[in-house]
Amino acid sequence: MLEAIQNIDVNILYYIQDHLRTPFLNDIVPKFTSLGNAGIIWIVIVICLLLFQKTGKAAKCSVISMLLCLLTVNLLIKNIVARVRPYDAFELVRCIIPPERDYSFPSGHAAIAWAAMVPVCINLGWKAGLPAVIAATLMSLSRLYVCVHYPSDVIAGFIIGTACALISCKLIYPAISGKIQRAERDKK
């Protein structure tokens, strides 16, 4: 089963590099994907959301979600699974950015993008969250275009990031905000 998934994964990467890459995208996509390094773009977006009362709850849920995602993906799953990057496992896979130093599974860029953006959709609605969904989708796809992840890495990143967002919005944030409100009531 895992071998079949690996074969599908690598064939998709071969197709991308052989049929979808263009000089124009080869210039733009590496720059865009680098905005996801260390979650920079998502941190900046969330800080901007924190500035407004209407988007404050979404931003707080995103912060919790991103922290949960960081712990789950970067400190736990990547090190347990220890999947080798596609360009290290298959000599015909040509990466167009500098090699990554950590493991491939799951995609941290995809996971953190969805962990940051799903709370925006949950708290502000899908219409307002559509730009967030587009940004997270483009970040996820950029990881395939530059060939630093397998498609299954990106799918797993989407699932984990979304799960972290749901846990943040539906469990952790309500619990924390409830305790804060009770503490404020008790002070009065």
N, C-alpha and C. Protein backbone atom coordinates (compact mmCIF):
# COMPACT_ATOMS: atom_id res chain seq x y z
N MET A 1 0.81 -1.20 0.00
CA MET A 1 0.00 0.00 0.00
C MET A 1 0.86 1.27 0.00
N LEU A 2 1.85 1.32 0.92
CA LEU A 2 2.73 2.50 0.98
C LEU A 2 3.55 2.65 -0.29
N GLU A 3 3.95 1.53 -0.87
CA GLU A 3 4.71 1.58 -2.12
C GLU A 3 3.85 2.13 -3.26
N ALA A 4 2.59 1.76 -3.29
CA ALA A 4 1.67 2.27 -4.31
C ALA A 4 1.49 3.78 -4.17
N ILE A 5 1.33 4.23 -2.92
CA ILE A 5 1.20 5.68 -2.68
C ILE A 5 2.48 6.40 -3.10
N GLN A 6 3.63 5.82 -2.77
CA GLN A 6 4.92 6.41 -3.15
C GLN A 6 5.04 6.52 -4.67
N ASN A 7 4.61 5.50 -5.39
CA ASN A 7 4.67 5.52 -6.86
C ASN A 7 3.76 6.61 -7.43
N ILE A 8 2.56 6.72 -6.89
CA ILE A 8 1.65 7.78 -7.35
C ILE A 8 2.26 9.14 -7.04
N ASP A 9 2.76 9.31 -5.82
CA ASP A 9 3.40 10.56 -5.40
C ASP A 9 4.50 10.99 -6.36
N VAL A 10 5.43 10.12 -6.61
CA VAL A 10 6.59 10.50 -7.42
C VAL A 10 6.19 10.73 -8.88
N ASN A 11 5.21 9.98 -9.38
CA ASN A 11 4.76 10.21 -10.75
C ASN A 11 4.07 11.56 -10.91
N ILE A 12 3.36 12.00 -9.87
CA ILE A 12 2.77 13.34 -9.90
C ILE A 12 3.87 14.39 -9.93
N LEU A 13 4.91 14.21 -9.14
CA LEU A 13 6.03 15.16 -9.14
C LEU A 13 6.73 15.19 -10.50
N TYR A 14 6.93 14.02 -11.09
CA TYR A 14 7.53 13.98 -12.43
C TYR A 14 6.66 14.75 -13.42
N TYR A 15 5.36 14.56 -13.32
CA TYR A 15 4.45 15.26 -14.25
C TYR A 15 4.56 16.77 -14.04
N ILE A 16 4.56 17.20 -12.81
CA ILE A 16 4.66 18.64 -12.52
C ILE A 16 5.94 19.22 -13.09
N GLN A 17 7.06 18.58 -12.82
CA GLN A 17 8.33 19.15 -13.27
C GLN A 17 8.51 19.05 -14.78
N ASP A 18 7.91 18.04 -15.40
CA ASP A 18 8.09 17.86 -16.85
C ASP A 18 7.06 18.58 -17.70
N HIS A 19 5.88 18.88 -17.13
CA HIS A 19 4.81 19.44 -17.95
C HIS A 19 4.21 20.75 -17.45
N LEU A 20 4.38 21.09 -16.20
CA LEU A 20 3.74 22.29 -15.66
C LEU A 20 4.70 23.43 -15.35
N ARG A 21 5.95 23.14 -15.22
CA ARG A 21 6.91 24.20 -14.92
C ARG A 21 7.13 25.08 -16.13
N THR A 22 7.19 26.40 -15.85
CA THR A 22 7.50 27.38 -16.89
C THR A 22 8.53 28.35 -16.31
N PRO A 23 9.28 29.04 -17.15
CA PRO A 23 10.25 30.02 -16.63
C PRO A 23 9.59 31.07 -15.75
N PHE A 24 8.40 31.53 -16.14
CA PHE A 24 7.69 32.53 -15.36
C PHE A 24 7.37 32.01 -13.96
N LEU A 25 6.75 30.82 -13.87
CA LEU A 25 6.40 30.24 -12.57
C LEU A 25 7.65 29.83 -11.79
N ASN A 26 8.70 29.41 -12.49
CA ASN A 26 9.95 29.04 -11.81
C ASN A 26 10.57 30.23 -11.09
N ASP A 27 10.22 31.43 -11.53
CA ASP A 27 10.71 32.63 -10.87
C ASP A 27 9.82 33.04 -9.70
N ILE A 28 8.51 32.89 -9.87
CA ILE A 28 7.55 33.37 -8.87
C ILE A 28 7.31 32.37 -7.74
N VAL A 29 7.11 31.11 -8.06
CA VAL A 29 6.71 30.11 -7.05
C VAL A 29 7.76 29.94 -5.94
N PRO A 30 9.05 29.86 -6.25
CA PRO A 30 10.02 29.76 -5.15
C PRO A 30 9.97 30.95 -4.19
N LYS A 31 9.72 32.14 -4.73
CA LYS A 31 9.61 33.32 -3.85
C LYS A 31 8.37 33.22 -2.99
N PHE A 32 7.25 32.80 -3.59
CA PHE A 32 6.01 32.66 -2.82
C PHE A 32 6.16 31.60 -1.74
N THR A 33 6.70 30.45 -2.10
CA THR A 33 6.81 29.36 -1.12
C THR A 33 7.73 29.75 0.04
N SER A 34 8.72 30.60 -0.23
CA SER A 34 9.63 31.02 0.85
C SER A 34 8.93 31.91 1.88
N LEU A 35 7.80 32.52 1.49
CA LEU A 35 7.03 33.31 2.46
C LEU A 35 6.47 32.43 3.58
N GLY A 36 6.35 31.14 3.30
CA GLY A 36 5.86 30.21 4.31
C GLY A 36 6.93 29.71 5.25
N ASN A 37 8.21 30.01 4.96
CA ASN A 37 9.29 29.58 5.85
C ASN A 37 9.06 30.14 7.25
N ALA A 38 9.12 29.27 8.23
CA ALA A 38 8.90 29.63 9.64
C ALA A 38 7.51 30.24 9.85
N GLY A 39 6.60 30.03 8.90
CA GLY A 39 5.24 30.53 9.03
C GLY A 39 5.12 32.04 8.93
N ILE A 40 6.13 32.70 8.36
CA ILE A 40 6.20 34.16 8.35
C ILE A 40 4.94 34.82 7.80
N ILE A 41 4.49 34.40 6.62
CA ILE A 41 3.32 35.04 6.01
C ILE A 41 2.08 34.89 6.89
N TRP A 42 1.95 33.73 7.52
CA TRP A 42 0.76 33.48 8.35
C TRP A 42 0.82 34.27 9.65
N ILE A 43 2.02 34.41 10.19
CA ILE A 43 2.20 35.21 11.40
C ILE A 43 1.85 36.67 11.12
N VAL A 44 2.31 37.20 10.00
CA VAL A 44 2.01 38.59 9.63
C VAL A 44 0.51 38.79 9.44
N ILE A 45 -0.14 37.85 8.75
CA ILE A 45 -1.59 37.96 8.54
C ILE A 45 -2.33 37.93 9.87
N VAL A 46 -1.93 37.02 10.75
CA VAL A 46 -2.62 36.91 12.05
C VAL A 46 -2.39 38.16 12.89
N ILE A 47 -1.20 38.73 12.86
CA ILE A 47 -0.95 39.98 13.59
C ILE A 47 -1.86 41.08 13.06
N CYS A 48 -2.02 41.15 11.74
CA CYS A 48 -2.93 42.14 11.16
C CYS A 48 -4.37 41.90 11.62
N LEU A 49 -4.78 40.65 11.69
CA LEU A 49 -6.13 40.32 12.15
C LEU A 49 -6.34 40.68 13.62
N LEU A 50 -5.28 40.60 14.41
CA LEU A 50 -5.37 40.94 15.84
C LEU A 50 -5.66 42.43 16.07
N LEU A 51 -5.38 43.24 15.07
CA LEU A 51 -5.55 44.68 15.20
C LEU A 51 -7.01 45.13 15.19
N PHE A 52 -7.91 44.26 14.75
CA PHE A 52 -9.31 44.65 14.60
C PHE A 52 -10.20 43.78 15.48
N GLN A 53 -11.15 44.41 16.15
CA GLN A 53 -12.03 43.69 17.07
C GLN A 53 -12.83 42.61 16.33
N LYS A 54 -13.30 42.92 15.13
CA LYS A 54 -14.12 41.98 14.36
C LYS A 54 -13.38 40.69 14.02
N THR A 55 -12.06 40.79 13.84
CA THR A 55 -11.27 39.63 13.44
C THR A 55 -10.41 39.08 14.57
N GLY A 56 -10.53 39.66 15.74
CA GLY A 56 -9.69 39.27 16.88
C GLY A 56 -9.85 37.81 17.29
N LYS A 57 -11.10 37.33 17.34
CA LYS A 57 -11.34 35.94 17.73
C LYS A 57 -10.71 34.99 16.72
N ALA A 58 -10.87 35.29 15.44
CA ALA A 58 -10.26 34.45 14.39
C ALA A 58 -8.75 34.42 14.55
N ALA A 59 -8.16 35.57 14.84
CA ALA A 59 -6.71 35.66 15.01
C ALA A 59 -6.25 34.85 16.21
N LYS A 60 -6.97 34.96 17.31
CA LYS A 60 -6.59 34.21 18.52
C LYS A 60 -6.70 32.70 18.29
N CYS A 61 -7.74 32.29 17.61
CA CYS A 61 -7.89 30.86 17.26
C CYS A 61 -6.75 30.42 16.35
N SER A 62 -6.36 31.29 15.41
CA SER A 62 -5.25 30.97 14.51
C SER A 62 -3.94 30.81 15.26
N VAL A 63 -3.70 31.68 16.23
CA VAL A 63 -2.47 31.58 17.03
C VAL A 63 -2.42 30.24 17.76
N ILE A 64 -3.51 29.89 18.42
CA ILE A 64 -3.56 28.61 19.13
C ILE A 64 -3.37 27.46 18.16
N SER A 65 -4.04 27.53 17.03
CA SER A 65 -3.97 26.48 16.02
C SER A 65 -2.55 26.31 15.47
N MET A 66 -1.90 27.44 15.19
CA MET A 66 -0.53 27.37 14.65
C MET A 66 0.44 26.78 15.68
N LEU A 67 0.27 27.14 16.94
CA LEU A 67 1.14 26.57 17.98
C LEU A 67 0.91 25.07 18.11
N LEU A 68 -0.34 24.65 18.11
CA LEU A 68 -0.67 23.23 18.16
C LEU A 68 -0.09 22.50 16.95
N CYS A 69 -0.19 23.12 15.80
CA CYS A 69 0.34 22.53 14.57
C CYS A 69 1.86 22.42 14.61
N LEU A 70 2.52 23.45 15.08
CA LEU A 70 3.98 23.43 15.20
C LEU A 70 4.42 22.26 16.07
N LEU A 71 3.79 22.10 17.20
CA LEU A 71 4.14 21.00 18.10
C LEU A 71 3.86 19.64 17.46
N THR A 72 2.71 19.52 16.84
CA THR A 72 2.30 18.25 16.26
C THR A 72 3.15 17.86 15.06
N VAL A 73 3.35 18.79 14.14
CA VAL A 73 4.05 18.48 12.89
C VAL A 73 5.56 18.49 13.06
N ASN A 74 6.10 19.62 13.47
CA ASN A 74 7.56 19.79 13.46
C ASN A 74 8.28 19.06 14.57
N LEU A 75 7.67 18.98 15.73
CA LEU A 75 8.36 18.35 16.84
C LEU A 75 8.00 16.88 17.01
N LEU A 76 6.87 16.47 16.47
CA LEU A 76 6.42 15.10 16.70
C LEU A 76 6.41 14.26 15.41
N ILE A 77 5.46 14.51 14.55
CA ILE A 77 5.23 13.61 13.41
C ILE A 77 6.42 13.53 12.46
N LYS A 78 7.00 14.68 12.08
CA LYS A 78 8.14 14.64 11.14
C LYS A 78 9.26 13.74 11.66
N ASN A 79 9.54 13.83 12.95
CA ASN A 79 10.63 13.05 13.52
C ASN A 79 10.28 11.58 13.73
N ILE A 80 9.02 11.29 13.92
CA ILE A 80 8.60 9.89 14.06
C ILE A 80 8.59 9.20 12.69
N VAL A 81 7.99 9.85 11.70
CA VAL A 81 7.87 9.24 10.37
C VAL A 81 9.21 9.26 9.63
N ALA A 82 9.93 10.36 9.72
CA ALA A 82 11.27 10.51 9.11
C ALA A 82 11.30 10.16 7.62
N ARG A 83 10.34 10.68 6.88
CA ARG A 83 10.29 10.43 5.43
C ARG A 83 11.30 11.30 4.71
N VAL A 84 12.08 10.68 3.87
CA VAL A 84 13.11 11.37 3.09
C VAL A 84 12.45 12.25 2.03
N ARG A 85 13.03 13.39 1.79
CA ARG A 85 12.52 14.31 0.77
C ARG A 85 12.58 13.65 -0.61
N PRO A 86 11.65 14.03 -1.51
CA PRO A 86 11.60 13.38 -2.83
C PRO A 86 12.88 13.53 -3.65
N TYR A 87 13.52 14.68 -3.57
CA TYR A 87 14.74 14.89 -4.35
C TYR A 87 15.92 14.08 -3.82
N ASP A 88 15.83 13.64 -2.55
CA ASP A 88 16.87 12.76 -2.00
C ASP A 88 16.57 11.29 -2.28
N ALA A 89 15.29 10.96 -2.46
CA ALA A 89 14.90 9.57 -2.69
C ALA A 89 14.89 9.19 -4.17
N PHE A 90 14.66 10.16 -5.04
CA PHE A 90 14.56 9.89 -6.48
C PHE A 90 15.45 10.87 -7.23
N GLU A 91 16.46 10.34 -7.89
CA GLU A 91 17.44 11.23 -8.51
C GLU A 91 16.88 12.05 -9.67
N LEU A 92 15.75 11.65 -10.27
CA LEU A 92 15.16 12.41 -11.36
C LEU A 92 14.25 13.55 -10.89
N VAL A 93 13.95 13.60 -9.61
CA VAL A 93 13.16 14.71 -9.07
C VAL A 93 14.10 15.90 -8.89
N ARG A 94 13.74 16.99 -9.56
CA ARG A 94 14.58 18.19 -9.54
C ARG A 94 13.92 19.29 -8.71
N CYS A 95 14.50 19.53 -7.56
CA CYS A 95 14.03 20.58 -6.67
C CYS A 95 14.54 21.92 -7.19
N ILE A 96 13.69 22.97 -7.14
CA ILE A 96 14.13 24.26 -7.66
C ILE A 96 14.33 25.32 -6.56
N ILE A 97 14.42 24.85 -5.33
CA ILE A 97 14.80 25.73 -4.21
C ILE A 97 15.91 25.01 -3.45
N PRO A 98 16.62 25.72 -2.57
CA PRO A 98 17.65 25.03 -1.79
C PRO A 98 17.05 23.86 -1.00
N PRO A 99 17.79 22.78 -0.85
CA PRO A 99 17.27 21.62 -0.13
C PRO A 99 16.86 21.96 1.30
N GLU A 100 15.79 21.31 1.74
CA GLU A 100 15.29 21.47 3.10
C GLU A 100 16.10 20.55 4.02
N ARG A 101 16.21 20.94 5.29
CA ARG A 101 17.01 20.15 6.22
C ARG A 101 16.21 19.15 7.04
N ASP A 102 14.90 19.34 7.10
CA ASP A 102 14.09 18.43 7.92
C ASP A 102 13.44 17.36 7.04
N TYR A 103 12.60 16.55 7.64
CA TYR A 103 11.95 15.46 6.91
C TYR A 103 10.76 15.98 6.10
N SER A 104 10.26 15.11 5.24
CA SER A 104 9.24 15.48 4.28
C SER A 104 7.80 15.37 4.80
N PHE A 105 7.51 14.38 5.60
CA PHE A 105 6.11 14.10 5.98
C PHE A 105 5.81 14.54 7.38
N PRO A 106 4.74 15.30 7.55
CA PRO A 106 3.88 15.96 6.57
C PRO A 106 4.46 17.32 6.18
N SER A 107 3.84 17.97 5.23
CA SER A 107 4.29 19.29 4.83
C SER A 107 3.97 20.31 5.92
N GLY A 108 5.01 20.88 6.49
CA GLY A 108 4.82 21.91 7.52
C GLY A 108 4.23 23.18 6.94
N HIS A 109 4.64 23.53 5.71
CA HIS A 109 4.10 24.72 5.06
C HIS A 109 2.59 24.58 4.84
N ALA A 110 2.17 23.41 4.36
CA ALA A 110 0.74 23.20 4.14
C ALA A 110 -0.01 23.17 5.47
N ALA A 111 0.54 22.47 6.44
CA ALA A 111 -0.13 22.33 7.73
C ALA A 111 -0.33 23.69 8.40
N ILE A 112 0.70 24.49 8.44
CA ILE A 112 0.60 25.78 9.14
C ILE A 112 -0.30 26.74 8.36
N ALA A 113 -0.30 26.64 7.04
CA ALA A 113 -1.19 27.49 6.22
C ALA A 113 -2.65 27.20 6.56
N TRP A 114 -3.01 25.93 6.60
CA TRP A 114 -4.39 25.57 6.91
C TRP A 114 -4.71 25.81 8.39
N ALA A 115 -3.74 25.59 9.26
CA ALA A 115 -3.96 25.86 10.69
C ALA A 115 -4.23 27.35 10.92
N ALA A 116 -3.59 28.20 10.15
CA ALA A 116 -3.77 29.64 10.30
C ALA A 116 -5.05 30.13 9.63
N MET A 117 -5.39 29.56 8.49
CA MET A 117 -6.47 30.12 7.69
C MET A 117 -7.85 29.52 7.96
N VAL A 118 -7.93 28.27 8.39
CA VAL A 118 -9.25 27.68 8.68
C VAL A 118 -9.98 28.44 9.78
N PRO A 119 -9.30 28.88 10.85
CA PRO A 119 -10.01 29.69 11.85
C PRO A 119 -10.61 30.97 11.29
N VAL A 120 -9.98 31.53 10.28
CA VAL A 120 -10.54 32.72 9.63
C VAL A 120 -11.88 32.37 9.00
N CYS A 121 -11.92 31.24 8.31
CA CYS A 121 -13.17 30.79 7.68
C CYS A 121 -14.23 30.45 8.72
N ILE A 122 -13.84 29.78 9.77
CA ILE A 122 -14.80 29.38 10.82
C ILE A 122 -15.40 30.61 11.50
N ASN A 123 -14.57 31.59 11.80
CA ASN A 123 -15.02 32.74 12.57
C ASN A 123 -15.58 33.89 11.74
N LEU A 124 -15.18 33.99 10.48
CA LEU A 124 -15.64 35.11 9.65
C LEU A 124 -16.54 34.67 8.51
N GLY A 125 -16.71 33.37 8.36
CA GLY A 125 -17.54 32.84 7.28
C GLY A 125 -16.72 32.52 6.05
N TRP A 126 -17.26 31.64 5.23
CA TRP A 126 -16.52 31.18 4.06
C TRP A 126 -16.35 32.26 3.01
N LYS A 127 -17.31 33.17 2.90
CA LYS A 127 -17.18 34.24 1.91
C LYS A 127 -16.00 35.15 2.26
N ALA A 128 -15.94 35.55 3.52
CA ALA A 128 -14.82 36.39 3.97
C ALA A 128 -13.52 35.59 4.01
N GLY A 129 -13.64 34.27 4.23
CA GLY A 129 -12.46 33.43 4.34
C GLY A 129 -11.93 32.92 3.01
N LEU A 130 -12.62 33.21 1.92
CA LEU A 130 -12.19 32.70 0.61
C LEU A 130 -10.74 33.09 0.27
N PRO A 131 -10.31 34.34 0.48
CA PRO A 131 -8.90 34.66 0.22
C PRO A 131 -7.94 33.80 1.07
N ALA A 132 -8.36 33.48 2.29
CA ALA A 132 -7.53 32.63 3.16
C ALA A 132 -7.41 31.23 2.58
N VAL A 133 -8.51 30.69 2.07
CA VAL A 133 -8.50 29.36 1.47
C VAL A 133 -7.62 29.36 0.21
N ILE A 134 -7.73 30.40 -0.58
CA ILE A 134 -6.90 30.50 -1.80
C ILE A 134 -5.42 30.57 -1.43
N ALA A 135 -5.09 31.39 -0.44
CA ALA A 135 -3.68 31.52 -0.02
C ALA A 135 -3.13 30.19 0.50
N ALA A 136 -3.91 29.49 1.33
CA ALA A 136 -3.45 28.20 1.88
C ALA A 136 -3.31 27.16 0.77
N THR A 137 -4.23 27.17 -0.18
CA THR A 137 -4.16 26.23 -1.30
C THR A 137 -2.92 26.50 -2.15
N LEU A 138 -2.67 27.76 -2.46
CA LEU A 138 -1.49 28.11 -3.27
C LEU A 138 -0.20 27.74 -2.55
N MET A 139 -0.15 27.97 -1.23
CA MET A 139 1.05 27.59 -0.48
C MET A 139 1.26 26.08 -0.55
N SER A 140 0.18 25.34 -0.37
CA SER A 140 0.27 23.87 -0.42
C SER A 140 0.76 23.40 -1.79
N LEU A 141 0.16 23.94 -2.84
CA LEU A 141 0.55 23.53 -4.20
C LEU A 141 1.98 23.97 -4.54
N SER A 142 2.42 25.08 -3.96
CA SER A 142 3.78 25.55 -4.25
C SER A 142 4.83 24.54 -3.78
N ARG A 143 4.51 23.80 -2.73
CA ARG A 143 5.45 22.81 -2.20
C ARG A 143 5.63 21.65 -3.18
N LEU A 144 4.59 21.37 -3.94
CA LEU A 144 4.69 20.33 -4.98
C LEU A 144 5.45 20.87 -6.19
N TYR A 145 5.15 22.10 -6.56
CA TYR A 145 5.78 22.70 -7.74
C TYR A 145 7.31 22.74 -7.59
N VAL A 146 7.78 23.08 -6.41
CA VAL A 146 9.24 23.16 -6.20
C VAL A 146 9.84 21.80 -5.87
N CYS A 147 8.98 20.78 -5.72
CA CYS A 147 9.38 19.37 -5.51
C CYS A 147 10.10 19.12 -4.19
N VAL A 148 9.65 19.78 -3.12
CA VAL A 148 10.22 19.48 -1.81
C VAL A 148 9.33 18.55 -1.00
N HIS A 149 8.12 18.29 -1.51
CA HIS A 149 7.19 17.39 -0.84
C HIS A 149 6.49 16.49 -1.84
N TYR A 150 6.08 15.35 -1.35
CA TYR A 150 5.20 14.46 -2.10
C TYR A 150 3.77 14.97 -1.95
N PRO A 151 2.88 14.66 -2.89
CA PRO A 151 1.47 15.04 -2.72
C PRO A 151 0.86 14.52 -1.42
N SER A 152 1.22 13.31 -1.02
CA SER A 152 0.66 12.78 0.24
C SER A 152 1.14 13.57 1.45
N ASP A 153 2.32 14.18 1.38
CA ASP A 153 2.81 15.05 2.46
C ASP A 153 1.90 16.28 2.58
N VAL A 154 1.54 16.84 1.43
CA VAL A 154 0.73 18.05 1.40
C VAL A 154 -0.70 17.74 1.85
N ILE A 155 -1.23 16.60 1.42
CA ILE A 155 -2.58 16.20 1.85
C ILE A 155 -2.59 15.99 3.37
N ALA A 156 -1.57 15.33 3.88
CA ALA A 156 -1.49 15.13 5.33
C ALA A 156 -1.35 16.47 6.06
N GLY A 157 -0.58 17.39 5.49
CA GLY A 157 -0.46 18.73 6.08
C GLY A 157 -1.80 19.44 6.13
N PHE A 158 -2.57 19.33 5.06
CA PHE A 158 -3.91 19.91 5.02
C PHE A 158 -4.79 19.32 6.13
N ILE A 159 -4.78 18.00 6.24
CA ILE A 159 -5.62 17.32 7.24
C ILE A 159 -5.20 17.72 8.66
N ILE A 160 -3.91 17.69 8.93
CA ILE A 160 -3.43 18.01 10.28
C ILE A 160 -3.66 19.48 10.61
N GLY A 161 -3.36 20.37 9.67
CA GLY A 161 -3.59 21.80 9.90
C GLY A 161 -5.05 22.11 10.16
N THR A 162 -5.94 21.48 9.38
CA THR A 162 -7.37 21.67 9.56
C THR A 162 -7.83 21.10 10.90
N ALA A 163 -7.32 19.94 11.27
CA ALA A 163 -7.67 19.34 12.57
C ALA A 163 -7.21 20.25 13.72
N CYS A 164 -6.01 20.80 13.61
CA CYS A 164 -5.52 21.72 14.65
C CYS A 164 -6.42 22.95 14.75
N ALA A 165 -6.88 23.44 13.59
CA ALA A 165 -7.77 24.60 13.58
C ALA A 165 -9.10 24.27 14.24
N LEU A 166 -9.65 23.12 13.94
CA LEU A 166 -10.93 22.72 14.53
C LEU A 166 -10.81 22.54 16.04
N ILE A 167 -9.73 21.91 16.47
CA ILE A 167 -9.50 21.72 17.91
C ILE A 167 -9.34 23.08 18.59
N SER A 168 -8.61 23.98 17.94
CA SER A 168 -8.40 25.31 18.48
C SER A 168 -9.72 26.08 18.61
N CYS A 169 -10.50 26.09 17.54
CA CYS A 169 -11.72 26.89 17.51
C CYS A 169 -12.86 26.31 18.33
N LYS A 170 -12.95 24.99 18.36
CA LYS A 170 -14.10 24.34 19.00
C LYS A 170 -13.83 23.89 20.44
N LEU A 171 -12.56 23.70 20.80
CA LEU A 171 -12.25 23.20 22.15
C LEU A 171 -11.38 24.15 22.96
N ILE A 172 -10.19 24.44 22.46
CA ILE A 172 -9.20 25.18 23.26
C ILE A 172 -9.62 26.64 23.47
N TYR A 173 -9.92 27.36 22.39
CA TYR A 173 -10.28 28.78 22.52
C TYR A 173 -11.51 28.96 23.42
N PRO A 174 -12.59 28.21 23.21
CA PRO A 174 -13.75 28.37 24.11
C PRO A 174 -13.40 28.11 25.57
N ALA A 175 -12.55 27.12 25.82
CA ALA A 175 -12.16 26.81 27.20
C ALA A 175 -11.35 27.95 27.81
N ILE A 176 -10.40 28.47 27.05
CA ILE A 176 -9.55 29.57 27.54
C ILE A 176 -10.38 30.83 27.74
N SER A 177 -11.18 31.19 26.75
CA SER A 177 -11.95 32.43 26.85
C SER A 177 -12.99 32.34 27.97
N GLY A 178 -13.53 31.15 28.20
CA GLY A 178 -14.47 30.97 29.30
C GLY A 178 -13.80 31.18 30.65
N LYS A 179 -12.59 30.68 30.81
CA LYS A 179 -11.85 30.86 32.07
C LYS A 179 -11.51 32.33 32.29
N ILE A 180 -11.12 33.02 31.21
CA ILE A 180 -10.78 34.44 31.32
C ILE A 180 -12.02 35.24 31.72
N GLN A 181 -13.15 34.95 31.11
CA GLN A 181 -14.39 35.66 31.44
C GLN A 181 -14.81 35.39 32.89
N ARG A 182 -14.68 34.15 33.35
CA ARG A 182 -15.01 33.84 34.74
C ARG A 182 -14.08 34.57 35.70
N ALA A 183 -12.79 34.63 35.36
CA ALA A 183 -11.82 35.33 36.22
C ALA A 183 -12.14 36.82 36.30
N GLU A 184 -12.54 37.40 35.17
CA GLU A 184 -12.90 38.83 35.16
C GLU A 184 -14.16 39.08 35.97
N ARG A 185 -15.13 38.18 35.88
CA ARG A 185 -16.36 38.29 36.68
C ARG A 185 -16.06 38.18 38.17
N ASP A 186 -15.15 37.27 38.51
CA ASP A 186 -14.81 37.05 39.92
C ASP A 186 -14.09 38.26 40.52
N LYS A 187 -13.38 39.03 39.70
CA LYS A 187 -12.67 40.22 40.18
C LYS A 187 -13.66 41.32 40.58
N LYS A 188 -14.81 41.33 39.93
CA LYS A 188 -15.80 42.37 40.17
C LYS A 188 -16.55 42.05 41.38
